[in-house]
N, C-alpha and C. Protein backbone atom coordinates (compact mmCIF):
# COMPACT_ATOMS: atom_id res chain seq x y z
N UNK A 1 30.07 10.72 -26.68
CA UNK A 1 30.16 9.60 -25.80
C UNK A 1 31.56 8.97 -25.84
N UNK A 2 32.26 9.05 -27.00
CA UNK A 2 33.58 8.46 -27.10
C UNK A 2 34.67 9.50 -26.97
N UNK A 3 34.37 10.62 -26.34
CA UNK A 3 35.35 11.71 -26.20
C UNK A 3 36.47 11.30 -25.25
N UNK A 4 37.67 11.54 -25.64
CA UNK A 4 38.81 11.21 -24.77
C UNK A 4 39.17 12.49 -23.94
N UNK A 5 38.93 12.42 -22.66
CA UNK A 5 39.20 13.59 -21.78
C UNK A 5 40.66 13.95 -21.76
N UNK A 6 41.53 13.08 -22.13
CA UNK A 6 42.96 13.42 -22.17
C UNK A 6 43.23 14.53 -23.20
N UNK A 7 42.32 14.64 -24.17
CA UNK A 7 42.45 15.67 -25.19
C UNK A 7 42.40 17.06 -24.55
N UNK A 8 41.53 17.24 -23.54
CA UNK A 8 41.40 18.50 -22.82
C UNK A 8 42.74 18.94 -22.27
N UNK A 9 43.40 18.00 -21.53
CA UNK A 9 44.67 18.26 -20.95
C UNK A 9 45.72 18.63 -22.01
N UNK A 10 45.70 17.85 -23.07
CA UNK A 10 46.67 18.08 -24.15
C UNK A 10 46.40 19.42 -24.81
N UNK A 11 45.17 19.79 -25.07
CA UNK A 11 44.84 21.04 -25.71
C UNK A 11 45.13 22.21 -24.79
N UNK A 12 44.96 22.03 -23.44
CA UNK A 12 45.31 23.13 -22.49
C UNK A 12 46.80 23.31 -22.53
N UNK A 13 47.64 22.24 -22.55
CA UNK A 13 49.08 22.36 -22.59
C UNK A 13 49.55 23.07 -23.86
N UNK A 14 48.81 22.82 -24.99
CA UNK A 14 49.20 23.49 -26.26
C UNK A 14 48.70 24.93 -26.30
N UNK A 15 47.86 25.34 -25.34
CA UNK A 15 47.36 26.70 -25.33
C UNK A 15 46.09 26.94 -26.08
N UNK A 16 45.43 25.85 -26.57
CA UNK A 16 44.19 25.99 -27.26
C UNK A 16 43.03 26.30 -26.28
N UNK A 17 43.17 25.74 -25.11
CA UNK A 17 42.16 25.87 -24.04
C UNK A 17 42.77 26.44 -22.80
N UNK A 18 41.94 27.11 -22.02
CA UNK A 18 42.29 27.59 -20.69
C UNK A 18 41.40 26.94 -19.67
N UNK A 19 42.01 26.32 -18.65
CA UNK A 19 41.25 25.66 -17.62
C UNK A 19 40.64 26.71 -16.66
N UNK A 20 39.33 26.73 -16.54
CA UNK A 20 38.67 27.66 -15.67
C UNK A 20 38.56 27.12 -14.24
N UNK A 21 38.21 25.90 -14.11
CA UNK A 21 38.26 25.13 -12.86
C UNK A 21 38.08 23.69 -13.26
N UNK A 22 38.10 22.81 -12.33
CA UNK A 22 38.03 21.39 -12.67
C UNK A 22 36.75 21.08 -13.50
N UNK A 23 37.06 20.55 -14.73
CA UNK A 23 35.91 20.21 -15.58
C UNK A 23 35.40 21.33 -16.45
N UNK A 24 35.94 22.53 -16.35
CA UNK A 24 35.47 23.70 -17.11
C UNK A 24 36.64 24.30 -17.90
N UNK A 25 36.47 24.44 -19.17
CA UNK A 25 37.53 25.00 -20.02
C UNK A 25 36.89 26.05 -20.94
N UNK A 26 37.81 26.92 -21.45
CA UNK A 26 37.34 27.92 -22.44
C UNK A 26 38.42 28.00 -23.52
N UNK A 27 38.02 28.36 -24.71
CA UNK A 27 38.98 28.59 -25.80
C UNK A 27 39.82 29.80 -25.47
N UNK A 28 41.13 29.73 -25.72
CA UNK A 28 42.04 30.85 -25.32
C UNK A 28 41.70 32.10 -26.06
N UNK A 29 41.05 32.06 -27.20
CA UNK A 29 40.68 33.33 -27.94
C UNK A 29 39.77 34.20 -27.09
N UNK A 30 39.01 33.64 -26.15
CA UNK A 30 38.15 34.43 -25.30
C UNK A 30 38.93 35.39 -24.38
N UNK A 31 40.17 35.13 -24.17
CA UNK A 31 41.01 35.92 -23.31
C UNK A 31 41.08 37.36 -23.81
N UNK A 32 41.06 37.53 -25.10
CA UNK A 32 41.16 38.88 -25.73
C UNK A 32 39.87 39.57 -25.90
N UNK A 33 38.76 38.88 -25.55
CA UNK A 33 37.45 39.53 -25.76
C UNK A 33 36.92 40.16 -24.48
N UNK A 34 36.37 41.34 -24.55
CA UNK A 34 35.88 42.01 -23.34
C UNK A 34 34.71 41.23 -22.72
N UNK A 35 34.64 41.39 -21.44
CA UNK A 35 33.48 40.92 -20.60
C UNK A 35 33.50 39.37 -20.34
N UNK A 36 34.43 38.63 -20.98
CA UNK A 36 34.38 37.19 -20.77
C UNK A 36 34.84 36.81 -19.37
N UNK A 37 35.64 37.56 -18.73
CA UNK A 37 35.98 37.20 -17.36
C UNK A 37 34.76 37.30 -16.49
N UNK A 38 33.85 38.26 -16.76
CA UNK A 38 32.59 38.36 -16.03
C UNK A 38 31.61 37.30 -16.45
N UNK A 39 31.59 37.02 -17.74
CA UNK A 39 30.67 35.99 -18.25
C UNK A 39 31.00 34.59 -17.60
N UNK A 40 32.25 34.26 -17.52
CA UNK A 40 32.61 32.96 -16.91
C UNK A 40 32.31 32.91 -15.46
N UNK A 41 32.22 34.05 -14.76
CA UNK A 41 31.89 34.05 -13.34
C UNK A 41 30.50 33.34 -13.11
N UNK A 42 29.59 33.59 -14.04
CA UNK A 42 28.24 33.00 -13.96
C UNK A 42 28.27 31.53 -14.36
N UNK A 43 29.29 31.07 -15.06
CA UNK A 43 29.24 29.74 -15.69
C UNK A 43 29.99 28.72 -14.85
N UNK A 44 31.06 29.12 -14.18
CA UNK A 44 31.90 28.09 -13.49
C UNK A 44 31.37 27.70 -12.11
N UNK A 45 30.38 28.38 -11.60
CA UNK A 45 29.78 28.07 -10.29
C UNK A 45 28.38 28.54 -10.34
N UNK A 46 27.42 27.57 -10.44
CA UNK A 46 26.03 27.91 -10.62
C UNK A 46 25.19 27.29 -9.49
N UNK A 47 24.13 28.00 -9.08
CA UNK A 47 23.66 29.32 -9.51
C UNK A 47 24.49 30.42 -8.89
N UNK A 48 24.70 31.50 -9.63
CA UNK A 48 25.42 32.64 -9.09
C UNK A 48 25.09 33.89 -9.95
N UNK A 49 25.33 35.01 -9.28
CA UNK A 49 25.23 36.29 -9.99
C UNK A 49 26.33 37.24 -9.48
N UNK A 50 26.80 38.11 -10.26
CA UNK A 50 27.85 39.05 -9.87
C UNK A 50 27.27 40.10 -9.00
N UNK A 51 27.96 40.35 -7.86
CA UNK A 51 27.41 41.34 -6.91
C UNK A 51 28.60 41.94 -6.13
N UNK A 52 28.28 42.45 -4.94
CA UNK A 52 29.27 43.00 -4.02
C UNK A 52 30.14 44.04 -4.66
N UNK A 53 31.45 43.99 -4.40
CA UNK A 53 32.36 45.03 -4.86
C UNK A 53 32.48 45.13 -6.38
N UNK A 54 32.40 43.96 -7.06
CA UNK A 54 32.45 43.98 -8.50
C UNK A 54 31.28 44.74 -9.13
N UNK A 55 30.06 44.43 -8.66
CA UNK A 55 28.88 45.18 -9.15
C UNK A 55 28.93 46.63 -8.78
N UNK A 56 29.30 46.94 -7.54
CA UNK A 56 29.36 48.36 -7.13
C UNK A 56 30.34 49.17 -7.95
N UNK A 57 31.50 48.52 -8.28
CA UNK A 57 32.48 49.18 -9.17
C UNK A 57 31.88 49.29 -10.61
N UNK A 58 31.21 48.28 -11.11
CA UNK A 58 30.62 48.30 -12.42
C UNK A 58 29.64 49.48 -12.59
N UNK A 59 28.84 49.75 -11.55
CA UNK A 59 27.86 50.82 -11.54
C UNK A 59 28.48 52.20 -11.18
N UNK A 60 29.75 52.21 -10.85
CA UNK A 60 30.44 53.47 -10.54
C UNK A 60 30.05 53.94 -9.10
N UNK A 61 29.68 53.02 -8.24
CA UNK A 61 29.27 53.40 -6.87
C UNK A 61 30.46 53.47 -5.91
N UNK A 62 31.53 52.79 -6.25
CA UNK A 62 32.77 52.90 -5.43
C UNK A 62 33.94 53.28 -6.33
N UNK A 63 34.91 54.02 -5.82
CA UNK A 63 35.96 54.57 -6.67
C UNK A 63 37.04 53.49 -7.02
N UNK A 64 37.14 52.45 -6.25
CA UNK A 64 38.22 51.52 -6.43
C UNK A 64 38.01 50.62 -7.66
N UNK A 65 39.13 50.32 -8.31
CA UNK A 65 39.06 49.29 -9.32
C UNK A 65 39.09 47.95 -8.62
N UNK A 66 38.39 46.99 -9.11
CA UNK A 66 38.23 45.71 -8.38
C UNK A 66 39.06 44.64 -9.18
N UNK A 67 39.89 43.92 -8.43
CA UNK A 67 40.69 42.88 -9.03
C UNK A 67 39.93 41.58 -9.01
N UNK A 68 39.30 41.23 -7.93
CA UNK A 68 38.57 39.96 -7.74
C UNK A 68 37.16 40.11 -8.27
N UNK A 69 36.64 39.10 -8.92
CA UNK A 69 35.22 39.12 -9.39
C UNK A 69 34.40 38.45 -8.27
N UNK A 70 33.56 39.20 -7.65
CA UNK A 70 32.79 38.69 -6.49
C UNK A 70 31.37 38.40 -6.88
N UNK A 71 30.88 37.24 -6.47
CA UNK A 71 29.55 36.76 -6.85
C UNK A 71 28.84 36.28 -5.59
N UNK A 72 27.53 36.13 -5.76
CA UNK A 72 26.65 35.52 -4.75
C UNK A 72 26.16 34.16 -5.25
N UNK A 73 26.08 33.20 -4.39
CA UNK A 73 25.61 31.86 -4.73
C UNK A 73 24.86 31.27 -3.59
N UNK A 74 23.97 30.27 -3.94
CA UNK A 74 23.31 29.51 -2.84
C UNK A 74 24.11 28.24 -2.56
N UNK A 75 25.21 28.02 -3.23
CA UNK A 75 26.09 26.91 -2.96
C UNK A 75 27.07 27.32 -1.87
N UNK A 76 27.99 26.46 -1.50
CA UNK A 76 28.91 26.80 -0.42
C UNK A 76 29.91 27.90 -0.94
N UNK A 77 30.41 28.70 -0.04
CA UNK A 77 31.40 29.70 -0.34
C UNK A 77 32.64 29.06 -1.04
N UNK A 78 33.09 29.66 -2.10
CA UNK A 78 34.23 29.05 -2.89
C UNK A 78 35.04 30.17 -3.58
N UNK A 79 36.22 29.82 -4.03
CA UNK A 79 36.99 30.71 -4.85
C UNK A 79 37.78 29.89 -5.87
N UNK A 80 38.07 30.53 -6.98
CA UNK A 80 38.76 29.95 -8.07
C UNK A 80 39.69 30.97 -8.69
N UNK A 81 40.86 30.52 -9.13
CA UNK A 81 41.78 31.38 -9.87
C UNK A 81 42.09 30.77 -11.22
N UNK A 82 42.10 31.56 -12.27
CA UNK A 82 42.48 31.03 -13.55
C UNK A 82 43.01 32.21 -14.42
N UNK A 83 43.31 31.98 -15.66
CA UNK A 83 43.90 33.02 -16.52
C UNK A 83 42.95 34.22 -16.74
N UNK A 84 41.67 34.02 -16.49
CA UNK A 84 40.68 35.07 -16.69
C UNK A 84 40.53 35.96 -15.46
N UNK A 85 40.97 35.46 -14.29
CA UNK A 85 40.87 36.26 -13.11
C UNK A 85 40.72 35.45 -11.84
N UNK A 86 40.49 36.20 -10.76
CA UNK A 86 40.24 35.56 -9.45
C UNK A 86 38.73 35.71 -9.16
N UNK A 87 38.14 34.58 -8.86
CA UNK A 87 36.69 34.53 -8.63
C UNK A 87 36.37 34.19 -7.19
N UNK A 88 35.46 34.90 -6.54
CA UNK A 88 35.05 34.61 -5.20
C UNK A 88 33.56 34.53 -5.12
N UNK A 89 33.04 33.52 -4.47
CA UNK A 89 31.60 33.26 -4.39
C UNK A 89 31.21 33.25 -2.88
N UNK A 90 30.29 34.09 -2.51
CA UNK A 90 29.80 34.11 -1.13
C UNK A 90 28.43 33.48 -1.03
N UNK A 91 28.23 32.67 -0.02
CA UNK A 91 26.98 31.93 0.14
C UNK A 91 25.91 32.75 0.79
N UNK A 92 24.71 32.67 0.29
CA UNK A 92 23.47 33.19 0.92
C UNK A 92 22.43 32.09 0.82
N UNK A 93 21.42 32.18 1.67
CA UNK A 93 20.35 31.16 1.54
C UNK A 93 19.59 31.38 0.23
N UNK A 94 18.95 30.32 -0.25
CA UNK A 94 18.34 30.36 -1.58
C UNK A 94 17.30 31.51 -1.71
N UNK A 95 16.62 31.77 -0.60
CA UNK A 95 15.56 32.82 -0.65
C UNK A 95 16.15 34.24 -0.93
N UNK A 96 17.47 34.39 -0.81
CA UNK A 96 18.05 35.71 -1.04
C UNK A 96 18.72 35.76 -2.43
N UNK A 97 18.43 34.76 -3.25
CA UNK A 97 18.95 34.77 -4.63
C UNK A 97 17.99 35.51 -5.54
N UNK A 98 17.87 36.79 -5.39
CA UNK A 98 16.99 37.61 -6.20
C UNK A 98 17.67 38.97 -6.45
N UNK A 99 17.01 39.79 -7.20
CA UNK A 99 17.52 41.16 -7.40
C UNK A 99 18.67 41.25 -8.42
N UNK A 100 18.73 40.31 -9.31
CA UNK A 100 19.73 40.43 -10.34
C UNK A 100 19.07 40.45 -11.72
N UNK A 101 19.81 40.97 -12.65
CA UNK A 101 19.26 41.17 -14.04
C UNK A 101 20.28 40.71 -15.04
N UNK A 102 19.87 40.46 -16.27
CA UNK A 102 20.74 40.04 -17.33
C UNK A 102 21.28 41.24 -18.07
N UNK A 103 22.58 41.41 -18.06
CA UNK A 103 23.23 42.48 -18.75
C UNK A 103 23.79 41.94 -20.07
N UNK A 104 23.47 42.62 -21.18
CA UNK A 104 23.90 42.12 -22.47
C UNK A 104 25.34 42.30 -22.73
N UNK A 105 25.96 41.37 -23.43
CA UNK A 105 27.34 41.46 -23.88
C UNK A 105 27.36 41.77 -25.39
N UNK A 106 28.52 42.06 -25.92
CA UNK A 106 28.62 42.44 -27.33
C UNK A 106 28.19 41.30 -28.25
N UNK A 107 28.27 40.04 -27.89
CA UNK A 107 27.96 38.96 -28.82
C UNK A 107 26.67 38.27 -28.49
N UNK A 108 25.70 39.00 -27.97
CA UNK A 108 24.36 38.47 -27.66
C UNK A 108 24.33 37.47 -26.49
N UNK A 109 25.37 37.39 -25.75
CA UNK A 109 25.27 36.60 -24.50
C UNK A 109 24.95 37.57 -23.37
N UNK A 110 24.65 36.98 -22.24
CA UNK A 110 24.24 37.86 -21.09
C UNK A 110 25.03 37.49 -19.84
N UNK A 111 25.14 38.43 -18.93
CA UNK A 111 25.79 38.25 -17.66
C UNK A 111 24.84 38.51 -16.59
N UNK A 112 24.69 37.64 -15.56
CA UNK A 112 23.76 37.90 -14.44
C UNK A 112 24.50 38.82 -13.45
N UNK A 113 23.89 40.04 -13.26
CA UNK A 113 24.45 41.05 -12.44
C UNK A 113 23.43 41.47 -11.39
N UNK A 114 23.86 41.66 -10.15
CA UNK A 114 22.95 42.27 -9.12
C UNK A 114 22.61 43.65 -9.57
N UNK A 115 21.39 44.07 -9.23
CA UNK A 115 21.00 45.50 -9.43
C UNK A 115 21.88 46.27 -8.47
N UNK A 116 22.03 47.55 -8.67
CA UNK A 116 22.80 48.38 -7.74
C UNK A 116 22.30 48.25 -6.27
N UNK A 117 20.98 48.23 -6.14
CA UNK A 117 20.35 48.13 -4.83
C UNK A 117 20.70 46.83 -4.14
N UNK A 118 20.59 45.72 -4.93
CA UNK A 118 20.86 44.39 -4.38
C UNK A 118 22.32 44.23 -4.06
N UNK A 119 23.26 44.75 -4.87
CA UNK A 119 24.70 44.66 -4.63
C UNK A 119 25.03 45.34 -3.30
N UNK A 120 24.43 46.49 -3.10
CA UNK A 120 24.65 47.23 -1.82
C UNK A 120 24.13 46.45 -0.67
N UNK A 121 22.95 45.89 -0.78
CA UNK A 121 22.40 45.09 0.36
C UNK A 121 23.19 43.82 0.61
N UNK A 122 23.57 43.17 -0.49
CA UNK A 122 24.44 41.96 -0.32
C UNK A 122 25.69 42.32 0.50
N UNK A 123 26.30 43.42 0.16
CA UNK A 123 27.52 43.86 0.89
C UNK A 123 27.26 44.08 2.33
N UNK A 124 26.24 44.84 2.63
CA UNK A 124 25.92 45.16 4.03
C UNK A 124 25.45 43.91 4.84
N UNK A 125 24.84 42.98 4.12
CA UNK A 125 24.41 41.75 4.79
C UNK A 125 25.58 40.81 5.09
N UNK A 126 26.49 40.68 4.13
CA UNK A 126 27.59 39.71 4.27
C UNK A 126 28.83 40.24 5.01
N UNK A 127 28.89 41.63 5.15
CA UNK A 127 30.02 42.17 5.80
C UNK A 127 29.56 42.94 7.04
N UNK A 128 29.35 42.30 8.14
CA UNK A 128 28.76 42.92 9.32
C UNK A 128 29.60 44.03 9.95
N UNK A 129 30.88 44.17 9.56
CA UNK A 129 31.68 45.23 10.18
C UNK A 129 31.25 46.61 9.68
N UNK A 130 30.41 46.70 8.67
CA UNK A 130 29.86 48.01 8.30
C UNK A 130 28.69 48.32 9.19
N UNK A 131 29.03 48.60 10.46
CA UNK A 131 27.99 48.74 11.54
C UNK A 131 28.01 50.10 12.18
N UNK A 132 28.64 51.06 11.53
CA UNK A 132 28.69 52.43 12.04
C UNK A 132 28.72 53.38 10.84
N UNK A 133 28.28 54.61 11.09
CA UNK A 133 28.31 55.60 10.05
C UNK A 133 29.73 55.79 9.54
N UNK A 134 30.68 55.77 10.42
CA UNK A 134 32.10 55.93 10.02
C UNK A 134 32.54 54.82 9.12
N UNK A 135 32.24 53.55 9.44
CA UNK A 135 32.58 52.46 8.58
C UNK A 135 31.94 52.59 7.22
N UNK A 136 30.68 52.98 7.20
CA UNK A 136 29.95 53.16 5.92
C UNK A 136 30.54 54.29 5.07
N UNK A 137 30.96 55.37 5.76
CA UNK A 137 31.61 56.47 5.01
C UNK A 137 32.92 56.08 4.38
N UNK A 138 33.62 55.12 5.10
CA UNK A 138 34.89 54.65 4.53
C UNK A 138 34.71 53.73 3.27
N UNK A 139 33.51 53.35 2.99
CA UNK A 139 33.23 52.69 1.73
C UNK A 139 33.39 53.63 0.56
N UNK A 140 33.27 54.92 0.85
CA UNK A 140 33.39 56.01 -0.15
C UNK A 140 32.44 55.82 -1.32
N UNK A 141 31.21 55.51 -0.97
CA UNK A 141 30.19 55.38 -2.01
C UNK A 141 29.97 56.73 -2.68
N UNK A 142 29.73 56.67 -4.00
CA UNK A 142 29.51 57.87 -4.75
C UNK A 142 28.21 58.61 -4.33
N UNK A 143 28.36 59.74 -3.67
CA UNK A 143 27.17 60.40 -3.14
C UNK A 143 26.20 60.86 -4.25
N UNK A 144 26.71 61.27 -5.38
CA UNK A 144 25.85 61.67 -6.50
C UNK A 144 24.99 60.51 -6.95
N UNK A 145 25.63 59.31 -7.10
CA UNK A 145 24.90 58.13 -7.47
C UNK A 145 23.81 57.77 -6.42
N UNK A 146 24.20 57.79 -5.17
CA UNK A 146 23.22 57.49 -4.11
C UNK A 146 22.05 58.42 -4.16
N UNK A 147 22.27 59.71 -4.33
CA UNK A 147 21.25 60.74 -4.30
C UNK A 147 20.35 60.62 -5.53
N UNK A 148 21.00 60.49 -6.75
CA UNK A 148 20.30 60.62 -7.98
C UNK A 148 19.84 59.34 -8.70
N UNK A 149 20.62 58.28 -8.51
CA UNK A 149 20.39 57.07 -9.31
C UNK A 149 19.93 55.86 -8.49
N UNK A 150 20.29 55.78 -7.21
CA UNK A 150 19.86 54.61 -6.44
C UNK A 150 18.36 54.68 -6.20
N UNK A 151 17.68 53.59 -6.50
CA UNK A 151 16.22 53.47 -6.25
C UNK A 151 15.97 53.10 -4.80
N UNK A 152 15.72 54.10 -4.00
CA UNK A 152 15.62 53.90 -2.57
C UNK A 152 14.36 53.06 -2.18
N UNK A 153 13.29 53.18 -2.96
CA UNK A 153 12.13 52.35 -2.71
C UNK A 153 12.42 50.91 -2.96
N UNK A 154 13.10 50.61 -4.08
CA UNK A 154 13.49 49.25 -4.39
C UNK A 154 14.46 48.71 -3.33
N UNK A 155 15.42 49.54 -2.92
CA UNK A 155 16.35 49.12 -1.86
C UNK A 155 15.58 48.68 -0.62
N UNK A 156 14.58 49.47 -0.23
CA UNK A 156 13.81 49.10 1.01
C UNK A 156 12.97 47.88 0.80
N UNK A 157 12.40 47.75 -0.40
CA UNK A 157 11.62 46.54 -0.72
C UNK A 157 12.53 45.30 -0.61
N UNK A 158 13.71 45.40 -1.22
CA UNK A 158 14.63 44.28 -1.18
C UNK A 158 15.12 44.00 0.25
N UNK A 159 15.34 45.04 0.99
CA UNK A 159 15.80 44.91 2.36
C UNK A 159 14.80 44.17 3.21
N UNK A 160 13.54 44.41 3.01
CA UNK A 160 12.49 43.70 3.76
C UNK A 160 12.51 42.18 3.45
N UNK A 161 12.88 41.79 2.23
CA UNK A 161 12.93 40.40 1.91
C UNK A 161 14.00 39.65 2.63
N UNK A 162 15.03 40.35 3.08
CA UNK A 162 16.09 39.66 3.83
C UNK A 162 15.61 39.25 5.26
N UNK A 163 14.65 39.93 5.77
CA UNK A 163 14.13 39.70 7.10
C UNK A 163 15.25 39.62 8.16
N UNK A 164 16.04 40.67 8.15
CA UNK A 164 17.21 40.77 9.02
C UNK A 164 17.24 42.11 9.77
N UNK A 165 17.11 42.03 11.04
CA UNK A 165 17.15 43.27 11.87
C UNK A 165 18.50 43.96 11.72
N UNK A 166 19.57 43.17 11.68
CA UNK A 166 20.95 43.73 11.56
C UNK A 166 21.07 44.48 10.26
N UNK A 167 20.54 43.92 9.19
CA UNK A 167 20.62 44.57 7.89
C UNK A 167 19.77 45.86 7.92
N UNK A 168 18.60 45.77 8.50
CA UNK A 168 17.69 46.94 8.62
C UNK A 168 18.49 48.09 9.32
N UNK A 169 19.21 47.73 10.40
CA UNK A 169 20.00 48.70 11.16
C UNK A 169 21.12 49.32 10.30
N UNK A 170 21.81 48.45 9.52
CA UNK A 170 22.91 48.97 8.66
C UNK A 170 22.37 49.86 7.53
N UNK A 171 21.20 49.56 7.03
CA UNK A 171 20.62 50.43 5.95
C UNK A 171 20.24 51.76 6.55
N UNK A 172 19.74 51.75 7.76
CA UNK A 172 19.37 53.01 8.46
C UNK A 172 20.61 53.85 8.65
N UNK A 173 21.73 53.22 9.06
CA UNK A 173 22.99 53.91 9.23
C UNK A 173 23.50 54.45 7.87
N UNK A 174 23.31 53.66 6.82
CA UNK A 174 23.70 54.12 5.46
C UNK A 174 22.95 55.39 5.07
N UNK A 175 21.63 55.41 5.33
CA UNK A 175 20.84 56.57 5.02
C UNK A 175 21.31 57.79 5.84
N UNK A 176 21.70 57.55 7.08
CA UNK A 176 22.18 58.68 7.93
C UNK A 176 23.53 59.14 7.41
N UNK A 177 24.44 58.21 7.15
CA UNK A 177 25.80 58.56 6.75
C UNK A 177 25.84 59.36 5.49
N UNK A 178 24.95 59.05 4.55
CA UNK A 178 24.93 59.74 3.23
C UNK A 178 23.75 60.68 2.99
N UNK A 179 23.08 61.01 4.09
CA UNK A 179 21.95 61.93 4.02
C UNK A 179 20.93 61.60 2.96
N UNK A 180 20.47 60.33 2.99
CA UNK A 180 19.51 59.85 2.00
C UNK A 180 18.10 59.98 2.47
């Protein structure tokens, strides 16, 4: 109750703390620990879960390394930059906040991550320019992963929950483009 908020600014200037966004700080020692840039993605803007390109890269579904940490939220679209990385949050309606799981970290903390199926659907839903087989092929999705590891039944179950004809169409094109 008697905490002096000026201490946060002073400690940040001395390097003890890193400002994540307004009102959110982390100890600088977390900078050297793996997975904390992902962990903070779930903490600085809630509710949210990591999805889209970050999740697809995490699962090895796309070949590109991802610089920006992309998440889904039911809050307004936002972005933040700090010493841990660049964070981007895309808005979806609350009913589409499903299909994520808790991934364990080394120190018994967890990170909320979209399942591979949900990450792919979030991408197709939020990026309408993936509307042709050619555009979908340019995503360069790992065909081995799609054939062997992607749960197509779960993908279709999740797709139905979106109740979007446009997404249904893009998923059909995805299946055609990658012979699923």
